[in-house]
Amino acid sequence: MTAQPGDRLIIRRPDVGAPARDGEILEVHGANGAPPYLVRWPDNGQEGLIFPGTDAAIQHFEHTADSRNGTA
């Protein structure tokens, strides 16, 4: 699993009957895009460091050099 800041982390939890949860990846702390990821959860605004499990997927977005530097 690899990601970049700005990608979305989607966690599906059908085994517990909970809806999928998704958050924005703010920082990547592993080498070459590997976990752990600092994620902001929009449903409650909390941020946390997470090592995704097998129920997680990354939704990738096209990134440009400008978007990675925080400019448009």
PDB file of N, CA and C in Angstrom:
ATOM      1  N   MET A   1       0.858  -1.165   0.000  1.00  0.00           N
ATOM      2  CA  MET A   1       0.000   0.000   0.000  1.00  0.00           C
ATOM      3  C   MET A   1       0.905   1.229   0.000  1.00  0.00           C
ATOM      4  N   THR A   2       0.678   2.118  -0.965  1.00  0.00           N
ATOM      5  CA  THR A   2       1.423   3.368  -1.013  1.00  0.00           C
ATOM      6  C   THR A   2       0.464   4.530  -1.226  1.00  0.00           C
ATOM      7  N   ALA A   3       0.840   5.696  -0.709  1.00  0.00           N
ATOM      8  CA  ALA A   3      -0.012   6.875  -0.812  1.00  0.00           C
ATOM      9  C   ALA A   3       0.845   8.127  -0.839  1.00  0.00           C
ATOM     10  N   GLN A   4       0.185   9.237  -1.140  1.00  0.00           N
ATOM     11  CA  GLN A   4       0.786  10.563  -1.095  1.00  0.00           C
ATOM     12  C   GLN A   4      -0.167  11.477  -0.344  1.00  0.00           C
ATOM     13  N   PRO A   5       0.345  12.553   0.242  1.00  0.00           N
ATOM     14  CA  PRO A   5      -0.555  13.523   0.849  1.00  0.00           C
ATOM     15  C   PRO A   5      -1.603  13.983  -0.168  1.00  0.00           C
ATOM     16  N   GLY A   6      -2.840  14.073   0.279  1.00  0.00           N
ATOM     17  CA  GLY A   6      -3.952  14.449  -0.591  1.00  0.00           C
ATOM     18  C   GLY A   6      -4.768  13.259  -1.060  1.00  0.00           C
ATOM     19  N   ASP A   7      -4.198  12.038  -0.982  1.00  0.00           N
ATOM     20  CA  ASP A   7      -4.970  10.835  -1.297  1.00  0.00           C
ATOM     21  C   ASP A   7      -5.982  10.597  -0.184  1.00  0.00           C
ATOM     22  N   ARG A   8      -6.938   9.696  -0.433  1.00  0.00           N
ATOM     23  CA  ARG A   8      -7.959   9.354   0.562  1.00  0.00           C
ATOM     24  C   ARG A   8      -7.712   7.934   1.050  1.00  0.00           C
ATOM     25  N   LEU A   9      -7.863   7.749   2.342  1.00  0.00           N
ATOM     26  CA  LEU A   9      -7.818   6.423   2.948  1.00  0.00           C
ATOM     27  C   LEU A   9      -9.251   6.004   3.211  1.00  0.00           C
ATOM     28  N   ILE A  10      -9.654   4.877   2.648  1.00  0.00           N
ATOM     29  CA  ILE A  10     -11.016   4.380   2.795  1.00  0.00           C
ATOM     30  C   ILE A  10     -10.959   3.073   3.578  1.00  0.00           C
ATOM     31  N   ILE A  11     -11.714   3.028   4.659  1.00  0.00           N
ATOM     32  CA  ILE A  11     -11.763   1.828   5.492  1.00  0.00           C
ATOM     33  C   ILE A  11     -13.174   1.273   5.431  1.00  0.00           C
ATOM     34  N   ARG A  12     -13.286   0.030   4.968  1.00  0.00           N
ATOM     35  CA  ARG A  12     -14.579  -0.656   4.884  1.00  0.00           C
ATOM     36  C   ARG A  12     -14.667  -1.625   6.054  1.00  0.00           C
ATOM     37  N   ARG A  13     -15.807  -1.609   6.752  1.00  0.00           N
ATOM     38  CA  ARG A  13     -15.961  -2.449   7.941  1.00  0.00           C
ATOM     39  C   ARG A  13     -17.269  -3.228   7.891  1.00  0.00           C
ATOM     40  N   PRO A  14     -17.488  -4.016   6.849  1.00  0.00           N
ATOM     41  CA  PRO A  14     -18.766  -4.727   6.740  1.00  0.00           C
ATOM     42  C   PRO A  14     -18.959  -5.775   7.829  1.00  0.00           C
ATOM     43  N   ASP A  15     -17.876  -6.292   8.375  1.00  0.00           N
ATOM     44  CA  ASP A  15     -17.996  -7.341   9.394  1.00  0.00           C
ATOM     45  C   ASP A  15     -18.615  -6.831  10.692  1.00  0.00           C
ATOM     46  N   VAL A  16     -18.530  -5.528  10.932  1.00  0.00           N
ATOM     47  CA  VAL A  16     -19.137  -4.972  12.143  1.00  0.00           C
ATOM     48  C   VAL A  16     -20.391  -4.170  11.821  1.00  0.00           C
ATOM     49  N   GLY A  17     -20.799  -4.186  10.561  1.00  0.00           N
ATOM     50  CA  GLY A  17     -22.014  -3.501  10.159  1.00  0.00           C
ATOM     51  C   GLY A  17     -21.900  -1.995  10.115  1.00  0.00           C
ATOM     52  N   ALA A  18     -20.698  -1.476  10.191  1.00  0.00           N
ATOM     53  CA  ALA A  18     -20.499  -0.031  10.165  1.00  0.00           C
ATOM     54  C   ALA A  18     -20.289   0.448   8.736  1.00  0.00           C
ATOM     55  N   PRO A  19     -20.674   1.680   8.454  1.00  0.00           N
ATOM     56  CA  PRO A  19     -20.437   2.219   7.111  1.00  0.00           C
ATOM     57  C   PRO A  19     -18.946   2.453   6.874  1.00  0.00           C
ATOM     58  N   ALA A  20     -18.586   2.555   5.613  1.00  0.00           N
ATOM     59  CA  ALA A  20     -17.196   2.856   5.264  1.00  0.00           C
ATOM     60  C   ALA A  20     -16.830   4.225   5.816  1.00  0.00           C
ATOM     61  N   ARG A  21     -15.578   4.384   6.115  1.00  0.00           N
ATOM     62  CA  ARG A  21     -15.076   5.662   6.626  1.00  0.00           C
ATOM     63  C   ARG A  21     -13.932   6.087   5.723  1.00  0.00           C
ATOM     64  N   ASP A  22     -13.859   7.380   5.407  1.00  0.00           N
ATOM     65  CA  ASP A  22     -12.742   7.833   4.594  1.00  0.00           C
ATOM     66  C   ASP A  22     -12.178   9.119   5.161  1.00  0.00           C
ATOM     67  N   GLY A  23     -10.879   9.289   4.972  1.00  0.00           N
ATOM     68  CA  GLY A  23     -10.195  10.474   5.471  1.00  0.00           C
ATOM     69  C   GLY A  23      -9.106  10.898   4.517  1.00  0.00           C
ATOM     70  N   GLU A  24      -8.670  12.133   4.677  1.00  0.00           N
ATOM     71  CA  GLU A  24      -7.616  12.682   3.831  1.00  0.00           C
ATOM     72  C   GLU A  24      -6.259  12.378   4.442  1.00  0.00           C
ATOM     73  N   ILE A  25      -5.357  11.868   3.619  1.00  0.00           N
ATOM     74  CA  ILE A  25      -3.993  11.618   4.068  1.00  0.00           C
ATOM     75  C   ILE A  25      -3.247  12.947   4.046  1.00  0.00           C
ATOM     76  N   LEU A  26      -2.786  13.365   5.223  1.00  0.00           N
ATOM     77  CA  LEU A  26      -2.076  14.632   5.350  1.00  0.00           C
ATOM     78  C   LEU A  26      -0.572  14.457   5.238  1.00  0.00           C
ATOM     79  N   GLU A  27      -0.067  13.370   5.821  1.00  0.00           N
ATOM     80  CA  GLU A  27       1.369  13.101   5.812  1.00  0.00           C
ATOM     81  C   GLU A  27       1.605  11.603   5.657  1.00  0.00           C
ATOM     82  N   VAL A  28       2.709  11.281   4.992  1.00  0.00           N
ATOM     83  CA  VAL A  28       3.140   9.896   4.826  1.00  0.00           C
ATOM     84  C   VAL A  28       4.438   9.746   5.606  1.00  0.00           C
ATOM     85  N   HIS A  29       4.457   8.840   6.587  1.00  0.00           N
ATOM     86  CA  HIS A  29       5.614   8.697   7.460  1.00  0.00           C
ATOM     87  C   HIS A  29       6.503   7.511   7.112  1.00  0.00           C
ATOM     88  N   GLY A  30       6.056   6.628   6.233  1.00  0.00           N
ATOM     89  CA  GLY A  30       6.862   5.482   5.831  1.00  0.00           C
ATOM     90  C   GLY A  30       7.682   5.796   4.586  1.00  0.00           C
ATOM     91  N   ALA A  31       8.623   4.935   4.286  1.00  0.00           N
ATOM     92  CA  ALA A  31       9.467   5.092   3.106  1.00  0.00           C
ATOM     93  C   ALA A  31       8.677   4.818   1.830  1.00  0.00           C
ATOM     94  N   ASN A  32       8.897   5.606   0.810  1.00  0.00           N
ATOM     95  CA  ASN A  32       8.304   5.408  -0.514  1.00  0.00           C
ATOM     96  C   ASN A  32       6.781   5.307  -0.483  1.00  0.00           C
ATOM     97  N   GLY A  33       6.128   6.121   0.337  1.00  0.00           N
ATOM     98  CA  GLY A  33       4.672   6.164   0.370  1.00  0.00           C
ATOM     99  C   GLY A  33       4.009   5.129   1.251  1.00  0.00           C
ATOM    100  N   ALA A  34       4.797   4.415   2.038  1.00  0.00           N
ATOM    101  CA  ALA A  34       4.256   3.366   2.905  1.00  0.00           C
ATOM    102  C   ALA A  34       3.717   3.954   4.210  1.00  0.00           C
ATOM    103  N   PRO A  35       2.828   3.215   4.888  1.00  0.00           N
ATOM    104  CA  PRO A  35       2.322   3.658   6.189  1.00  0.00           C
ATOM    105  C   PRO A  35       3.459   3.755   7.209  1.00  0.00           C
ATOM    106  N   PRO A  36       3.206   4.442   8.294  1.00  0.00           N
ATOM    107  CA  PRO A  36       1.930   4.989   8.753  1.00  0.00           C
ATOM    108  C   PRO A  36       1.587   6.309   8.074  1.00  0.00           C
ATOM    109  N   TYR A  37       0.291   6.663   8.130  1.00  0.00           N
ATOM    110  CA  TYR A  37      -0.226   7.886   7.536  1.00  0.00           C
ATOM    111  C   TYR A  37      -0.886   8.737   8.616  1.00  0.00           C
ATOM    112  N   LEU A  38      -0.684  10.053   8.505  1.00  0.00           N
ATOM    113  CA  LEU A  38      -1.443  10.984   9.333  1.00  0.00           C
ATOM    114  C   LEU A  38      -2.702  11.309   8.542  1.00  0.00           C
ATOM    115  N   VAL A  39      -3.857  10.994   9.119  1.00  0.00           N
ATOM    116  CA  VAL A  39      -5.138  11.108   8.416  1.00  0.00           C
ATOM    117  C   VAL A  39      -6.059  12.060   9.170  1.00  0.00           C
ATOM    118  N   ARG A  40      -6.768  12.925   8.427  1.00  0.00           N
ATOM    119  CA  ARG A  40      -7.815  13.767   9.010  1.00  0.00           C
ATOM    120  C   ARG A  40      -9.152  13.164   8.630  1.00  0.00           C
ATOM    121  N   TRP A  41      -9.984  12.901   9.647  1.00  0.00           N
ATOM    122  CA  TRP A  41     -11.303  12.332   9.439  1.00  0.00           C
ATOM    123  C   TRP A  41     -12.327  13.468   9.370  1.00  0.00           C
ATOM    124  N   PRO A  42     -12.963  13.694   8.221  1.00  0.00           N
ATOM    125  CA  PRO A  42     -13.863  14.841   8.079  1.00  0.00           C
ATOM    126  C   PRO A  42     -15.145  14.749   8.906  1.00  0.00           C
ATOM    127  N   ASP A  43     -15.541  13.548   9.309  1.00  0.00           N
ATOM    128  CA  ASP A  43     -16.778  13.424  10.084  1.00  0.00           C
ATOM    129  C   ASP A  43     -16.666  14.025  11.486  1.00  0.00           C
ATOM    130  N   ASN A  44     -15.424  14.092  12.015  1.00  0.00           N
ATOM    131  CA  ASN A  44     -15.264  14.663  13.354  1.00  0.00           C
ATOM    132  C   ASN A  44     -14.086  15.638  13.447  1.00  0.00           C
ATOM    133  N   GLY A  45     -13.330  15.805  12.351  1.00  0.00           N
ATOM    134  CA  GLY A  45     -12.214  16.743  12.318  1.00  0.00           C
ATOM    135  C   GLY A  45     -10.961  16.273  13.026  1.00  0.00           C
ATOM    136  N   GLN A  46     -10.994  15.072  13.590  1.00  0.00           N
ATOM    137  CA  GLN A  46      -9.825  14.561  14.302  1.00  0.00           C
ATOM    138  C   GLN A  46      -8.758  14.107  13.323  1.00  0.00           C
ATOM    139  N   GLU A  47      -7.512  14.163  13.791  1.00  0.00           N
ATOM    140  CA  GLU A  47      -6.376  13.666  13.032  1.00  0.00           C
ATOM    141  C   GLU A  47      -5.715  12.566  13.845  1.00  0.00           C
ATOM    142  N   GLY A  48      -5.184  11.572  13.142  1.00  0.00           N
ATOM    143  CA  GLY A  48      -4.505  10.494  13.841  1.00  0.00           C
ATOM    144  C   GLY A  48      -3.545   9.762  12.933  1.00  0.00           C
ATOM    145  N   LEU A  49      -2.536   9.162  13.525  1.00  0.00           N
ATOM    146  CA  LEU A  49      -1.566   8.348  12.817  1.00  0.00           C
ATOM    147  C   LEU A  49      -2.129   6.937  12.736  1.00  0.00           C
ATOM    148  N   ILE A  50      -2.131   6.369  11.523  1.00  0.00           N
ATOM    149  CA  ILE A  50      -2.771   5.068  11.341  1.00  0.00           C
ATOM    150  C   ILE A  50      -1.908   4.156  10.474  1.00  0.00           C
ATOM    151  N   PHE A  51      -1.882   2.895  10.863  1.00  0.00           N
ATOM    152  CA  PHE A  51      -1.316   1.814  10.058  1.00  0.00           C
ATOM    153  C   PHE A  51      -2.521   1.057   9.499  1.00  0.00           C
ATOM    154  N   PRO A  52      -2.896   1.274   8.236  1.00  0.00           N
ATOM    155  CA  PRO A  52      -4.107   0.640   7.692  1.00  0.00           C
ATOM    156  C   PRO A  52      -4.015  -0.881   7.684  1.00  0.00           C
ATOM    157  N   GLY A  53      -5.166  -1.504   7.917  1.00  0.00           N
ATOM    158  CA  GLY A  53      -5.259  -2.960   7.880  1.00  0.00           C
ATOM    159  C   GLY A  53      -5.752  -3.440   6.523  1.00  0.00           C
ATOM    160  N   THR A  54      -6.146  -4.702   6.485  1.00  0.00           N
ATOM    161  CA  THR A  54      -6.588  -5.315   5.230  1.00  0.00           C
ATOM    162  C   THR A  54      -7.937  -4.797   4.758  1.00  0.00           C
ATOM    163  N   ASP A  55      -8.654  -4.092   5.625  1.00  0.00           N
ATOM    164  CA  ASP A  55      -9.953  -3.535   5.249  1.00  0.00           C
ATOM    165  C   ASP A  55      -9.834  -2.131   4.660  1.00  0.00           C
ATOM    166  N   ALA A  56      -8.605  -1.686   4.400  1.00  0.00           N
ATOM    167  CA  ALA A  56      -8.371  -0.322   3.919  1.00  0.00           C
ATOM    168  C   ALA A  56      -7.915  -0.314   2.465  1.00  0.00           C
ATOM    169  N   ALA A  57      -8.227   0.793   1.795  1.00  0.00           N
ATOM    170  CA  ALA A  57      -7.785   1.018   0.424  1.00  0.00           C
ATOM    171  C   ALA A  57      -7.421   2.492   0.275  1.00  0.00           C
ATOM    172  N   ILE A  58      -6.589   2.772  -0.698  1.00  0.00           N
ATOM    173  CA  ILE A  58      -6.184   4.137  -0.993  1.00  0.00           C
ATOM    174  C   ILE A  58      -6.869   4.589  -2.272  1.00  0.00           C
ATOM    175  N   GLN A  59      -7.482   5.753  -2.237  1.00  0.00           N
ATOM    176  CA  GLN A  59      -8.023   6.369  -3.440  1.00  0.00           C
ATOM    177  C   GLN A  59      -7.001   7.418  -3.856  1.00  0.00           C
ATOM    178  N   HIS A  60      -6.336   7.151  -4.971  1.00  0.00           N
ATOM    179  CA  HIS A  60      -5.267   8.028  -5.445  1.00  0.00           C
ATOM    180  C   HIS A  60      -5.842   9.165  -6.283  1.00  0.00           C
ATOM    181  N   PHE A  61      -5.195  10.302  -6.183  1.00  0.00           N
ATOM    182  CA  PHE A  61      -5.515  11.460  -6.995  1.00  0.00           C
ATOM    183  C   PHE A  61      -4.257  11.883  -7.728  1.00  0.00           C
ATOM    184  N   GLU A  62      -4.433  12.496  -8.881  1.00  0.00           N
ATOM    185  CA  GLU A  62      -3.280  12.989  -9.621  1.00  0.00           C
ATOM    186  C   GLU A  62      -2.687  14.156  -8.850  1.00  0.00           C
ATOM    187  N   HIS A  63      -1.384  14.088  -8.637  1.00  0.00           N
ATOM    188  CA  HIS A  63      -0.688  15.118  -7.883  1.00  0.00           C
ATOM    189  C   HIS A  63       0.287  15.834  -8.807  1.00  0.00           C
ATOM    190  N   THR A  64       0.361  17.126  -8.647  1.00  0.00           N
ATOM    191  CA  THR A  64       1.348  17.910  -9.381  1.00  0.00           C
ATOM    192  C   THR A  64       2.361  18.435  -8.367  1.00  0.00           C
ATOM    193  N   ALA A  65       3.499  18.900  -8.847  1.00  0.00           N
ATOM    194  CA  ALA A  65       4.509  19.460  -7.958  1.00  0.00           C
ATOM    195  C   ALA A  65       3.924  20.628  -7.168  1.00  0.00           C
ATOM    196  N   ASP A  66       3.091  21.448  -7.810  1.00  0.00           N
ATOM    197  CA  ASP A  66       2.505  22.604  -7.119  1.00  0.00           C
ATOM    198  C   ASP A  66       1.563  22.171  -6.016  1.00  0.00           C
ATOM    199  N   SER A  67       0.737  21.139  -6.244  1.00  0.00           N
ATOM    200  CA  SER A  67      -0.226  20.721  -5.222  1.00  0.00           C
ATOM    201  C   SER A  67       0.490  20.099  -4.033  1.00  0.00           C
ATOM    202  N   ARG A  68       1.616  19.441  -4.245  1.00  0.00           N
ATOM    203  CA  ARG A  68       2.370  18.864  -3.133  1.00  0.00           C
ATOM    204  C   ARG A  68       3.036  19.945  -2.292  1.00  0.00           C
ATOM    205  N   ASN A  69       3.306  21.100  -2.897  1.00  0.00           N
ATOM    206  CA  ASN A  69       3.933  22.197  -2.166  1.00  0.00           C
ATOM    207  C   ASN A  69       2.921  23.110  -1.525  1.00  0.00           C
ATOM    208  N   GLY A  70       1.619  22.818  -1.679  1.00  0.00           N
ATOM    209  CA  GLY A  70       0.588  23.616  -1.058  1.00  0.00           C
ATOM    210  C   GLY A  70       0.173  24.836  -1.857  1.00  0.00           C
ATOM    211  N   THR A  71       0.585  24.905  -3.113  1.00  0.00           N
ATOM    212  CA  THR A  71       0.177  26.012  -3.969  1.00  0.00           C
ATOM    213  C   THR A  71      -0.627  25.480  -5.124  1.00  0.00           C
ATOM    214  N   ALA A  72      -1.483  26.318  -5.671  1.00  0.00           N
ATOM    215  CA  ALA A  72      -2.342  25.861  -6.775  1.00  0.00           C
ATOM    216  C   ALA A  72      -1.799  26.292  -8.109  1.00  0.00           C
TER     217      ALA A  72
END
